[in-house]
Amino acid sequence: PSPSPTGARASVRPSPRPTAGTPAGTPGPRATPTPDGQVRTYTVR
Protein backbone atom coordinates (compact mmCIF):
# COMPACT_ATOMS: atom_id res chain seq x y z
CA PRO A 1 0.00 0.00 0.00
CA SER A 2 1.02 3.62 -0.38
CA PRO A 3 2.28 4.46 3.09
CA SER A 4 2.02 7.94 4.47
CA PRO A 5 5.52 9.44 4.49
CA THR A 6 7.09 10.74 7.63
CA GLY A 7 9.24 13.83 7.43
CA ALA A 8 12.99 13.68 7.00
CA ARG A 9 14.92 12.92 10.18
CA ALA A 10 11.73 11.79 11.92
CA SER A 11 11.67 8.90 14.36
CA VAL A 12 8.86 6.54 13.60
CA ARG A 13 7.20 3.84 15.67
CA PRO A 14 4.59 1.21 14.92
CA SER A 15 0.97 1.85 15.73
CA PRO A 16 -0.35 -0.10 18.71
CA ARG A 17 -2.35 -2.54 16.51
CA PRO A 18 -1.08 -2.53 12.94
CA THR A 19 -3.23 -4.41 10.48
CA ALA A 20 -1.78 -6.66 7.81
CA GLY A 21 -0.52 -4.74 4.80
CA THR A 22 -1.15 -1.27 6.20
CA PRO A 23 1.45 1.37 7.01
CA ALA A 24 2.63 1.06 10.59
CA GLY A 25 4.75 4.19 11.04
CA THR A 26 3.59 7.29 12.81
CA PRO A 27 5.80 10.14 14.01
CA GLY A 28 6.68 9.84 17.65
CA PRO A 29 9.28 8.74 20.19
CA ARG A 30 11.26 5.53 19.90
CA ALA A 31 9.41 2.34 20.69
CA THR A 32 10.69 0.01 23.36
CA PRO A 33 12.24 -3.26 22.17
CA THR A 34 10.64 -6.62 22.83
CA PRO A 35 11.83 -8.27 26.04
CA ASP A 36 13.60 -11.12 24.24
CA GLY A 37 14.80 -8.98 21.32
CA GLN A 38 18.22 -7.67 20.40
CA VAL A 39 18.12 -4.10 19.14
CA ARG A 40 20.09 -3.84 15.88
CA THR A 41 20.78 -0.75 13.83
CA TYR A 42 21.22 -1.06 10.06
CA THR A 43 23.15 1.84 8.55
CA VAL A 44 22.18 2.08 4.89
CA ARG A 45 22.95 4.56 2.13
ModelCIF file with pLDDT and N, C-alpha, C, O atoms, coordinates in Angstrom:
data_MODEL
#
_entry.id   MODEL 
#
_entity.id                         1 
_entity.type                       polymer 
_entity.pdbx_number_of_molecules   1 
#
_entity_poly.entity_id                      1 
_entity_poly.type                           'polypeptide(L)' 
_entity_poly.nstd_linkage                   no 
_entity_poly.nstd_monomer                   no 
_entity_poly.pdbx_seq_one_letter_code       PSPSPTGARASVRPSPRPTAGTPAGTPGPRATPTPDGQVRTYTVR 
_entity_poly.pdbx_seq_one_letter_code_can   PSPSPTGARASVRPSPRPTAGTPAGTPGPRATPTPDGQVRTYTVR 
_entity_poly.pdbx_strand_id                 A 
#
loop_
_entity_poly_seq.entity_id 
_entity_poly_seq.num 
_entity_poly_seq.mon_id 
_entity_poly_seq.hetero 
1 1  PRO n 
1 2  SER n 
1 3  PRO n 
1 4  SER n 
1 5  PRO n 
1 6  THR n 
1 7  GLY n 
1 8  ALA n 
1 9  ARG n 
1 10 ALA n 
1 11 SER n 
1 12 VAL n 
1 13 ARG n 
1 14 PRO n 
1 15 SER n 
1 16 PRO n 
1 17 ARG n 
1 18 PRO n 
1 19 THR n 
1 20 ALA n 
1 21 GLY n 
1 22 THR n 
1 23 PRO n 
1 24 ALA n 
1 25 GLY n 
1 26 THR n 
1 27 PRO n 
1 28 GLY n 
1 29 PRO n 
1 30 ARG n 
1 31 ALA n 
1 32 THR n 
1 33 PRO n 
1 34 THR n 
1 35 PRO n 
1 36 ASP n 
1 37 GLY n 
1 38 GLN n 
1 39 VAL n 
1 40 ARG n 
1 41 THR n 
1 42 TYR n 
1 43 THR n 
1 44 VAL n 
1 45 ARG n 
#
_struct_asym.id          A 
_struct_asym.entity_id   1 
#
loop_
_ma_qa_metric.id 
_ma_qa_metric.mode 
_ma_qa_metric.name 
_ma_qa_metric.software_group_id 
_ma_qa_metric.type 
1 global pLDDT . pLDDT 
2 local  pLDDT . pLDDT 
#
_ma_qa_metric_global.metric_id      1 
_ma_qa_metric_global.metric_value   48.33 
_ma_qa_metric_global.model_id       1 
_ma_qa_metric_global.ordinal_id     1 
#
loop_
_ma_qa_metric_local.label_asym_id 
_ma_qa_metric_local.label_comp_id 
_ma_qa_metric_local.label_seq_id 
_ma_qa_metric_local.metric_id 
_ma_qa_metric_local.metric_value 
_ma_qa_metric_local.model_id 
_ma_qa_metric_local.ordinal_id 
A PRO 1  2 42.00 1 1  
A SER 2  2 41.00 1 2  
A PRO 3  2 42.00 1 3  
A SER 4  2 37.00 1 4  
A PRO 5  2 40.00 1 5  
A THR 6  2 40.00 1 6  
A GLY 7  2 36.00 1 7  
A ALA 8  2 33.00 1 8  
A ARG 9  2 34.00 1 9  
A ALA 10 2 34.00 1 10 
A SER 11 2 35.00 1 11 
A VAL 12 2 38.00 1 12 
A ARG 13 2 37.00 1 13 
A PRO 14 2 36.00 1 14 
A SER 15 2 34.00 1 15 
A PRO 16 2 34.00 1 16 
A ARG 17 2 33.00 1 17 
A PRO 18 2 35.00 1 18 
A THR 19 2 35.00 1 19 
A ALA 20 2 36.00 1 20 
A GLY 21 2 37.00 1 21 
A THR 22 2 33.00 1 22 
A PRO 23 2 38.00 1 23 
A ALA 24 2 38.00 1 24 
A GLY 25 2 38.00 1 25 
A THR 26 2 33.00 1 26 
A PRO 27 2 33.00 1 27 
A GLY 28 2 32.00 1 28 
A PRO 29 2 35.00 1 29 
A ARG 30 2 38.00 1 30 
A ALA 31 2 41.00 1 31 
A THR 32 2 43.00 1 32 
A PRO 33 2 42.00 1 33 
A THR 34 2 45.00 1 34 
A PRO 35 2 53.00 1 35 
A ASP 36 2 62.00 1 36 
A GLY 37 2 73.00 1 37 
A GLN 38 2 88.00 1 38 
A VAL 39 2 91.00 1 39 
A ARG 40 2 91.00 1 40 
A THR 41 2 92.00 1 41 
A TYR 42 2 92.00 1 42 
A THR 43 2 91.00 1 43 
A VAL 44 2 92.00 1 44 
A ARG 45 2 92.00 1 45 
#
loop_
_atom_site.group_PDB 
_atom_site.id 
_atom_site.type_symbol 
_atom_site.label_atom_id 
_atom_site.label_alt_id 
_atom_site.label_comp_id 
_atom_site.label_asym_id 
_atom_site.label_entity_id 
_atom_site.label_seq_id 
_atom_site.pdbx_PDB_ins_code 
_atom_site.Cartn_x 
_atom_site.Cartn_y 
_atom_site.Cartn_z 
_atom_site.occupancy 
_atom_site.B_iso_or_equiv 
_atom_site.pdbx_formal_charge 
_atom_site.auth_seq_id 
_atom_site.auth_comp_id 
_atom_site.auth_asym_id 
_atom_site.auth_atom_id 
_atom_site.pdbx_PDB_model_num 
ATOM 1   N N  . PRO A 1 1  ? 0.832  -1.201  0.000  1.00 42.00 ? 1  PRO A N  1 
ATOM 2   C CA . PRO A 1 1  ? 0.000  0.000   0.000  1.00 42.00 ? 1  PRO A CA 1 
ATOM 3   C C  . PRO A 1 1  ? 0.862  1.245   0.000  1.00 42.00 ? 1  PRO A C  1 
ATOM 4   O O  . PRO A 1 1  ? 2.038  1.194   0.360  1.00 42.00 ? 1  PRO A O  1 
ATOM 5   N N  . SER A 1 2  ? 0.287  2.349   -0.399 1.00 41.00 ? 2  SER A N  1 
ATOM 6   C CA . SER A 1 2  ? 1.018  3.615   -0.382 1.00 41.00 ? 2  SER A CA 1 
ATOM 7   C C  . SER A 1 2  ? 1.060  4.110   1.048  1.00 41.00 ? 2  SER A C  1 
ATOM 8   O O  . SER A 1 2  ? 0.046  4.581   1.563  1.00 41.00 ? 2  SER A O  1 
ATOM 9   N N  . PRO A 1 3  ? 2.209  4.015   1.705  1.00 42.00 ? 3  PRO A N  1 
ATOM 10  C CA . PRO A 1 3  ? 2.278  4.463   3.092  1.00 42.00 ? 3  PRO A CA 1 
ATOM 11  C C  . PRO A 1 3  ? 2.326  5.975   3.162  1.00 42.00 ? 3  PRO A C  1 
ATOM 12  O O  . PRO A 1 3  ? 2.736  6.645   2.214  1.00 42.00 ? 3  PRO A O  1 
ATOM 13  N N  . SER A 1 4  ? 1.905  6.498   4.288  1.00 37.00 ? 4  SER A N  1 
ATOM 14  C CA . SER A 1 4  ? 2.017  7.937   4.470  1.00 37.00 ? 4  SER A CA 1 
ATOM 15  C C  . SER A 1 4  ? 3.447  8.238   4.883  1.00 37.00 ? 4  SER A C  1 
ATOM 16  O O  . SER A 1 4  ? 3.949  7.645   5.838  1.00 37.00 ? 4  SER A O  1 
ATOM 17  N N  . PRO A 1 5  ? 4.118  9.154   4.177  1.00 40.00 ? 5  PRO A N  1 
ATOM 18  C CA . PRO A 1 5  ? 5.518  9.436   4.485  1.00 40.00 ? 5  PRO A CA 1 
ATOM 19  C C  . PRO A 1 5  ? 5.649  10.170  5.807  1.00 40.00 ? 5  PRO A C  1 
ATOM 20  O O  . PRO A 1 5  ? 4.751  10.907  6.215  1.00 40.00 ? 5  PRO A O  1 
ATOM 21  N N  . THR A 1 6  ? 6.752  9.965   6.455  1.00 40.00 ? 6  THR A N  1 
ATOM 22  C CA . THR A 1 6  ? 7.092  10.740  7.629  1.00 40.00 ? 6  THR A CA 1 
ATOM 23  C C  . THR A 1 6  ? 8.196  11.693  7.213  1.00 40.00 ? 6  THR A C  1 
ATOM 24  O O  . THR A 1 6  ? 8.983  11.375  6.321  1.00 40.00 ? 6  THR A O  1 
ATOM 25  N N  . GLY A 1 7  ? 8.265  12.820  7.825  1.00 36.00 ? 7  GLY A N  1 
ATOM 26  C CA . GLY A 1 7  ? 9.241  13.826  7.432  1.00 36.00 ? 7  GLY A CA 1 
ATOM 27  C C  . GLY A 1 7  ? 10.667 13.355  7.589  1.00 36.00 ? 7  GLY A C  1 
ATOM 28  O O  . GLY A 1 7  ? 10.943 12.403  8.320  1.00 36.00 ? 7  GLY A O  1 
ATOM 29  N N  . ALA A 1 8  ? 11.565 14.020  6.906  1.00 33.00 ? 8  ALA A N  1 
ATOM 30  C CA . ALA A 1 8  ? 12.989 13.677  6.998  1.00 33.00 ? 8  ALA A CA 1 
ATOM 31  C C  . ALA A 1 8  ? 13.447 13.823  8.431  1.00 33.00 ? 8  ALA A C  1 
ATOM 32  O O  . ALA A 1 8  ? 13.007 14.721  9.149  1.00 33.00 ? 8  ALA A O  1 
ATOM 33  N N  . ARG A 1 9  ? 14.333 12.935  8.840  1.00 34.00 ? 9  ARG A N  1 
ATOM 34  C CA . ARG A 1 9  ? 14.915 12.925  10.180 1.00 34.00 ? 9  ARG A CA 1 
ATOM 35  C C  . ARG A 1 9  ? 13.866 12.673  11.259 1.00 34.00 ? 9  ARG A C  1 
ATOM 36  O O  . ARG A 1 9  ? 14.091 13.032  12.415 1.00 34.00 ? 9  ARG A O  1 
ATOM 37  N N  . ALA A 1 10 ? 12.742 12.076  10.924 1.00 34.00 ? 10 ALA A N  1 
ATOM 38  C CA . ALA A 1 10 ? 11.727 11.787  11.925 1.00 34.00 ? 10 ALA A CA 1 
ATOM 39  C C  . ALA A 1 10 ? 11.956 10.403  12.502 1.00 34.00 ? 10 ALA A C  1 
ATOM 40  O O  . ALA A 1 10 ? 12.374 9.492   11.788 1.00 34.00 ? 10 ALA A O  1 
ATOM 41  N N  . SER A 1 11 ? 11.689 10.240  13.781 1.00 35.00 ? 11 SER A N  1 
ATOM 42  C CA . SER A 1 11 ? 11.674 8.905   14.359 1.00 35.00 ? 11 SER A CA 1 
ATOM 43  C C  . SER A 1 11 ? 10.270 8.381   14.168 1.00 35.00 ? 11 SER A C  1 
ATOM 44  O O  . SER A 1 11 ? 9.303  9.136   14.265 1.00 35.00 ? 11 SER A O  1 
ATOM 45  N N  . VAL A 1 12 ? 10.152 7.121   13.902 1.00 38.00 ? 12 VAL A N  1 
ATOM 46  C CA . VAL A 1 12 ? 8.863  6.539   13.599 1.00 38.00 ? 12 VAL A CA 1 
ATOM 47  C C  . VAL A 1 12 ? 8.674  5.322   14.477 1.00 38.00 ? 12 VAL A C  1 
ATOM 48  O O  . VAL A 1 12 ? 9.644  4.629   14.780 1.00 38.00 ? 12 VAL A O  1 
ATOM 49  N N  . ARG A 1 13 ? 7.454  5.045   14.892 1.00 37.00 ? 13 ARG A N  1 
ATOM 50  C CA . ARG A 1 13 ? 7.201  3.835   15.668 1.00 37.00 ? 13 ARG A CA 1 
ATOM 51  C C  . ARG A 1 13 ? 5.931  3.181   15.166 1.00 37.00 ? 13 ARG A C  1 
ATOM 52  O O  . ARG A 1 13 ? 5.089  3.845   14.563 1.00 37.00 ? 13 ARG A O  1 
ATOM 53  N N  . PRO A 1 14 ? 5.781  1.874   15.408 1.00 36.00 ? 14 PRO A N  1 
ATOM 54  C CA . PRO A 1 14 ? 4.592  1.208   14.918 1.00 36.00 ? 14 PRO A CA 1 
ATOM 55  C C  . PRO A 1 14 ? 3.366  1.627   15.700 1.00 36.00 ? 14 PRO A C  1 
ATOM 56  O O  . PRO A 1 14 ? 3.458  2.005   16.868 1.00 36.00 ? 14 PRO A O  1 
ATOM 57  N N  . SER A 1 15 ? 2.214  1.558   15.044 1.00 34.00 ? 15 SER A N  1 
ATOM 58  C CA . SER A 1 15 ? 0.973  1.850   15.734 1.00 34.00 ? 15 SER A CA 1 
ATOM 59  C C  . SER A 1 15 ? 0.699  0.713   16.707 1.00 34.00 ? 15 SER A C  1 
ATOM 60  O O  . SER A 1 15 ? 1.240  -0.379  16.534 1.00 34.00 ? 15 SER A O  1 
ATOM 61  N N  . PRO A 1 16 ? -0.127 0.937   17.729 1.00 34.00 ? 16 PRO A N  1 
ATOM 62  C CA . PRO A 1 16 ? -0.345 -0.104  18.709 1.00 34.00 ? 16 PRO A CA 1 
ATOM 63  C C  . PRO A 1 16 ? -0.892 -1.405  18.117 1.00 34.00 ? 16 PRO A C  1 
ATOM 64  O O  . PRO A 1 16 ? -0.494 -2.481  18.562 1.00 34.00 ? 16 PRO A O  1 
ATOM 65  N N  . ARG A 1 17 ? -1.790 -1.345  17.130 1.00 33.00 ? 17 ARG A N  1 
ATOM 66  C CA . ARG A 1 17 ? -2.349 -2.539  16.514 1.00 33.00 ? 17 ARG A CA 1 
ATOM 67  C C  . ARG A 1 17 ? -2.294 -2.415  15.000 1.00 33.00 ? 17 ARG A C  1 
ATOM 68  O O  . ARG A 1 17 ? -3.314 -2.127  14.374 1.00 33.00 ? 17 ARG A O  1 
ATOM 69  N N  . PRO A 1 18 ? -1.126 -2.627  14.394 1.00 35.00 ? 18 PRO A N  1 
ATOM 70  C CA . PRO A 1 18 ? -1.077 -2.529  12.937 1.00 35.00 ? 18 PRO A CA 1 
ATOM 71  C C  . PRO A 1 18 ? -1.861 -3.674  12.303 1.00 35.00 ? 18 PRO A C  1 
ATOM 72  O O  . PRO A 1 18 ? -1.869 -4.797  12.807 1.00 35.00 ? 18 PRO A O  1 
ATOM 73  N N  . THR A 1 19 ? -2.512 -3.370  11.198 1.00 35.00 ? 19 THR A N  1 
ATOM 74  C CA . THR A 1 19 ? -3.230 -4.407  10.477 1.00 35.00 ? 19 THR A CA 1 
ATOM 75  C C  . THR A 1 19 ? -2.375 -4.867  9.321  1.00 35.00 ? 19 THR A C  1 
ATOM 76  O O  . THR A 1 19 ? -1.512 -4.131  8.845  1.00 35.00 ? 19 THR A O  1 
ATOM 77  N N  . ALA A 1 20 ? -2.612 -6.083  8.869  1.00 36.00 ? 20 ALA A N  1 
ATOM 78  C CA . ALA A 1 20 ? -1.783 -6.662  7.808  1.00 36.00 ? 20 ALA A CA 1 
ATOM 79  C C  . ALA A 1 20 ? -1.821 -5.792  6.564  1.00 36.00 ? 20 ALA A C  1 
ATOM 80  O O  . ALA A 1 20 ? -2.891 -5.418  6.083  1.00 36.00 ? 20 ALA A O  1 
ATOM 81  N N  . GLY A 1 21 ? -0.638 -5.476  6.048  1.00 37.00 ? 21 GLY A N  1 
ATOM 82  C CA . GLY A 1 21 ? -0.519 -4.735  4.800  1.00 37.00 ? 21 GLY A CA 1 
ATOM 83  C C  . GLY A 1 21 ? -0.779 -3.254  4.894  1.00 37.00 ? 21 GLY A C  1 
ATOM 84  O O  . GLY A 1 21 ? -0.850 -2.586  3.862  1.00 37.00 ? 21 GLY A O  1 
ATOM 85  N N  . THR A 1 22 ? -0.924 -2.710  6.088  1.00 33.00 ? 22 THR A N  1 
ATOM 86  C CA . THR A 1 22 ? -1.146 -1.269  6.202  1.00 33.00 ? 22 THR A CA 1 
ATOM 87  C C  . THR A 1 22 ? 0.100  -0.609  6.753  1.00 33.00 ? 22 THR A C  1 
ATOM 88  O O  . THR A 1 22 ? 0.901  -1.264  7.421  1.00 33.00 ? 22 THR A O  1 
ATOM 89  N N  . PRO A 1 23 ? 0.280  0.691   6.484  1.00 38.00 ? 23 PRO A N  1 
ATOM 90  C CA . PRO A 1 23 ? 1.454  1.374   7.011  1.00 38.00 ? 23 PRO A CA 1 
ATOM 91  C C  . PRO A 1 23 ? 1.418  1.370   8.529  1.00 38.00 ? 23 PRO A C  1 
ATOM 92  O O  . PRO A 1 23 ? 0.367  1.567   9.138  1.00 38.00 ? 23 PRO A O  1 
ATOM 93  N N  . ALA A 1 24 ? 2.568  1.145   9.128  1.00 38.00 ? 24 ALA A N  1 
ATOM 94  C CA . ALA A 1 24 ? 2.626  1.060   10.589 1.00 38.00 ? 24 ALA A CA 1 
ATOM 95  C C  . ALA A 1 24 ? 3.316  2.260   11.213 1.00 38.00 ? 24 ALA A C  1 
ATOM 96  O O  . ALA A 1 24 ? 3.254  2.410   12.434 1.00 38.00 ? 24 ALA A O  1 
ATOM 97  N N  . GLY A 1 25 ? 3.963  3.117   10.453 1.00 38.00 ? 25 GLY A N  1 
ATOM 98  C CA . GLY A 1 25 ? 4.751  4.189   11.043 1.00 38.00 ? 25 GLY A CA 1 
ATOM 99  C C  . GLY A 1 25 ? 3.950  5.439   11.311 1.00 38.00 ? 25 GLY A C  1 
ATOM 100 O O  . GLY A 1 25 ? 3.164  5.882   10.473 1.00 38.00 ? 25 GLY A O  1 
ATOM 101 N N  . THR A 1 26 ? 4.152  5.999   12.471 1.00 33.00 ? 26 THR A N  1 
ATOM 102 C CA . THR A 1 26 ? 3.593  7.287   12.809 1.00 33.00 ? 26 THR A CA 1 
ATOM 103 C C  . THR A 1 26 ? 4.677  8.065   13.526 1.00 33.00 ? 26 THR A C  1 
ATOM 104 O O  . THR A 1 26 ? 5.455  7.472   14.273 1.00 33.00 ? 26 THR A O  1 
ATOM 105 N N  . PRO A 1 27 ? 4.756  9.397   13.322 1.00 33.00 ? 27 PRO A N  1 
ATOM 106 C CA . PRO A 1 27 ? 5.799  10.141  14.007 1.00 33.00 ? 27 PRO A CA 1 
ATOM 107 C C  . PRO A 1 27 ? 5.639  10.019  15.514 1.00 33.00 ? 27 PRO A C  1 
ATOM 108 O O  . PRO A 1 27 ? 4.522  10.013  16.030 1.00 33.00 ? 27 PRO A O  1 
ATOM 109 N N  . GLY A 1 28 ? 6.751  9.923   16.208 1.00 32.00 ? 28 GLY A N  1 
ATOM 110 C CA . GLY A 1 28 ? 6.682  9.838   17.652 1.00 32.00 ? 28 GLY A CA 1 
ATOM 111 C C  . GLY A 1 28 ? 7.998  9.382   18.236 1.00 32.00 ? 28 GLY A C  1 
ATOM 112 O O  . GLY A 1 28 ? 8.976  9.227   17.506 1.00 32.00 ? 28 GLY A O  1 
ATOM 113 N N  . PRO A 1 29 ? 8.043  9.164   19.546 1.00 35.00 ? 29 PRO A N  1 
ATOM 114 C CA . PRO A 1 29 ? 9.283  8.740   20.188 1.00 35.00 ? 29 PRO A CA 1 
ATOM 115 C C  . PRO A 1 29 ? 9.608  7.294   19.846 1.00 35.00 ? 29 PRO A C  1 
ATOM 116 O O  . PRO A 1 29 ? 8.784  6.567   19.292 1.00 35.00 ? 29 PRO A O  1 
ATOM 117 N N  . ARG A 1 30 ? 10.821 6.897   20.187 1.00 38.00 ? 30 ARG A N  1 
ATOM 118 C CA . ARG A 1 30 ? 11.264 5.529   19.901 1.00 38.00 ? 30 ARG A CA 1 
ATOM 119 C C  . ARG A 1 30 ? 10.425 4.532   20.671 1.00 38.00 ? 30 ARG A C  1 
ATOM 120 O O  . ARG A 1 30 ? 10.043 4.774   21.816 1.00 38.00 ? 30 ARG A O  1 
ATOM 121 N N  . ALA A 1 31 ? 10.143 3.408   20.034 1.00 41.00 ? 31 ALA A N  1 
ATOM 122 C CA . ALA A 1 31 ? 9.413  2.336   20.686 1.00 41.00 ? 31 ALA A CA 1 
ATOM 123 C C  . ALA A 1 31 ? 10.380 1.524   21.531 1.00 41.00 ? 31 ALA A C  1 
ATOM 124 O O  . ALA A 1 31 ? 11.584 1.511   21.277 1.00 41.00 ? 31 ALA A O  1 
ATOM 125 N N  . THR A 1 32 ? 9.844  0.850   22.535 1.00 43.00 ? 32 THR A N  1 
ATOM 126 C CA . THR A 1 32 ? 10.693 0.008   23.363 1.00 43.00 ? 32 THR A CA 1 
ATOM 127 C C  . THR A 1 32 ? 10.845 -1.352  22.708 1.00 43.00 ? 32 THR A C  1 
ATOM 128 O O  . THR A 1 32 ? 9.895  -1.854  22.108 1.00 43.00 ? 32 THR A O  1 
ATOM 129 N N  . PRO A 1 33 ? 12.029 -1.964  22.812 1.00 42.00 ? 33 PRO A N  1 
ATOM 130 C CA . PRO A 1 33 ? 12.242 -3.261  22.171 1.00 42.00 ? 33 PRO A CA 1 
ATOM 131 C C  . PRO A 1 33 ? 11.484 -4.365  22.889 1.00 42.00 ? 33 PRO A C  1 
ATOM 132 O O  . PRO A 1 33 ? 11.090 -4.208  24.045 1.00 42.00 ? 33 PRO A O  1 
ATOM 133 N N  . THR A 1 34 ? 11.281 -5.475  22.208 1.00 45.00 ? 34 THR A N  1 
ATOM 134 C CA . THR A 1 34 ? 10.640 -6.621  22.826 1.00 45.00 ? 34 THR A CA 1 
ATOM 135 C C  . THR A 1 34 ? 11.555 -7.170  23.903 1.00 45.00 ? 34 THR A C  1 
ATOM 136 O O  . THR A 1 34 ? 12.774 -7.035  23.802 1.00 45.00 ? 34 THR A O  1 
ATOM 137 N N  . PRO A 1 35 ? 10.988 -7.793  24.941 1.00 53.00 ? 35 PRO A N  1 
ATOM 138 C CA . PRO A 1 35 ? 11.831 -8.267  26.037 1.00 53.00 ? 35 PRO A CA 1 
ATOM 139 C C  . PRO A 1 35 ? 12.914 -9.256  25.592 1.00 53.00 ? 35 PRO A C  1 
ATOM 140 O O  . PRO A 1 35 ? 14.032 -9.212  26.104 1.00 53.00 ? 35 PRO A O  1 
ATOM 141 N N  . ASP A 1 36 ? 12.598 -10.144 24.648 1.00 62.00 ? 36 ASP A N  1 
ATOM 142 C CA . ASP A 1 36 ? 13.595 -11.122 24.237 1.00 62.00 ? 36 ASP A CA 1 
ATOM 143 C C  . ASP A 1 36 ? 14.365 -10.674 23.003 1.00 62.00 ? 36 ASP A C  1 
ATOM 144 O O  . ASP A 1 36 ? 15.133 -11.459 22.447 1.00 62.00 ? 36 ASP A O  1 
ATOM 145 N N  . GLY A 1 37 ? 14.180 -9.434  22.559 1.00 73.00 ? 37 GLY A N  1 
ATOM 146 C CA . GLY A 1 37 ? 14.796 -8.983  21.322 1.00 73.00 ? 37 GLY A CA 1 
ATOM 147 C C  . GLY A 1 37 ? 16.130 -8.294  21.505 1.00 73.00 ? 37 GLY A C  1 
ATOM 148 O O  . GLY A 1 37 ? 16.397 -7.672  22.533 1.00 73.00 ? 37 GLY A O  1 
ATOM 149 N N  . GLN A 1 38 ? 16.972 -8.419  20.469 1.00 88.00 ? 38 GLN A N  1 
ATOM 150 C CA . GLN A 1 38 ? 18.219 -7.672  20.402 1.00 88.00 ? 38 GLN A CA 1 
ATOM 151 C C  . GLN A 1 38 ? 17.968 -6.480  19.493 1.00 88.00 ? 38 GLN A C  1 
ATOM 152 O O  . GLN A 1 38 ? 17.476 -6.646  18.376 1.00 88.00 ? 38 GLN A O  1 
ATOM 153 N N  . VAL A 1 39 ? 18.296 -5.296  19.951 1.00 91.00 ? 39 VAL A N  1 
ATOM 154 C CA . VAL A 1 39 ? 18.121 -4.105  19.137 1.00 91.00 ? 39 VAL A CA 1 
ATOM 155 C C  . VAL A 1 39 ? 19.313 -3.999  18.199 1.00 91.00 ? 39 VAL A C  1 
ATOM 156 O O  . VAL A 1 39 ? 20.462 -3.983  18.641 1.00 91.00 ? 39 VAL A O  1 
ATOM 157 N N  . ARG A 1 40 ? 19.034 -3.928  16.900 1.00 91.00 ? 40 ARG A N  1 
ATOM 158 C CA . ARG A 1 40 ? 20.089 -3.843  15.884 1.00 91.00 ? 40 ARG A CA 1 
ATOM 159 C C  . ARG A 1 40 ? 19.820 -2.641  14.996 1.00 91.00 ? 40 ARG A C  1 
ATOM 160 O O  . ARG A 1 40 ? 18.684 -2.383  14.597 1.00 91.00 ? 40 ARG A O  1 
ATOM 161 N N  . THR A 1 41 ? 20.885 -1.913  14.694 1.00 92.00 ? 41 THR A N  1 
ATOM 162 C CA . THR A 1 41 ? 20.781 -0.751  13.826 1.00 92.00 ? 41 THR A CA 1 
ATOM 163 C C  . THR A 1 41 ? 21.445 -1.075  12.499 1.00 92.00 ? 41 THR A C  1 
ATOM 164 O O  . THR A 1 41 ? 22.580 -1.549  12.460 1.00 92.00 ? 41 THR A O  1 
ATOM 165 N N  . TYR A 1 42 ? 20.732 -0.819  11.418 1.00 92.00 ? 42 TYR A N  1 
ATOM 166 C CA . TYR A 1 42 ? 21.224 -1.059  10.064 1.00 92.00 ? 42 TYR A CA 1 
ATOM 167 C C  . TYR A 1 42 ? 21.505 0.294   9.437  1.00 92.00 ? 42 TYR A C  1 
ATOM 168 O O  . TYR A 1 42 ? 20.581 1.061   9.166  1.00 92.00 ? 42 TYR A O  1 
ATOM 169 N N  . THR A 1 43 ? 22.770 0.590   9.206  1.00 91.00 ? 43 THR A N  1 
ATOM 170 C CA . THR A 1 43 ? 23.147 1.838   8.549  1.00 91.00 ? 43 THR A CA 1 
ATOM 171 C C  . THR A 1 43 ? 23.175 1.567   7.057  1.00 91.00 ? 43 THR A C  1 
ATOM 172 O O  . THR A 1 43 ? 23.962 0.751   6.577  1.00 91.00 ? 43 THR A O  1 
ATOM 173 N N  . VAL A 1 44 ? 22.308 2.259   6.328  1.00 92.00 ? 44 VAL A N  1 
ATOM 174 C CA . VAL A 1 44 ? 22.182 2.079   4.886  1.00 92.00 ? 44 VAL A CA 1 
ATOM 175 C C  . VAL A 1 44 ? 22.528 3.389   4.201  1.00 92.00 ? 44 VAL A C  1 
ATOM 176 O O  . VAL A 1 44 ? 22.765 4.401   4.860  1.00 92.00 ? 44 VAL A O  1 
ATOM 177 N N  . ARG A 1 45 ? 22.557 3.366   2.883  1.00 92.00 ? 45 ARG A N  1 
ATOM 178 C CA . ARG A 1 45 ? 22.953 4.557   2.125  1.00 92.00 ? 45 ARG A CA 1 
ATOM 179 C C  . ARG A 1 45 ? 22.022 5.748   2.394  1.00 92.00 ? 45 ARG A C  1 
ATOM 180 O O  . ARG A 1 45 ? 22.221 6.825   1.832  1.00 92.00 ? 45 ARG A O  1 
#
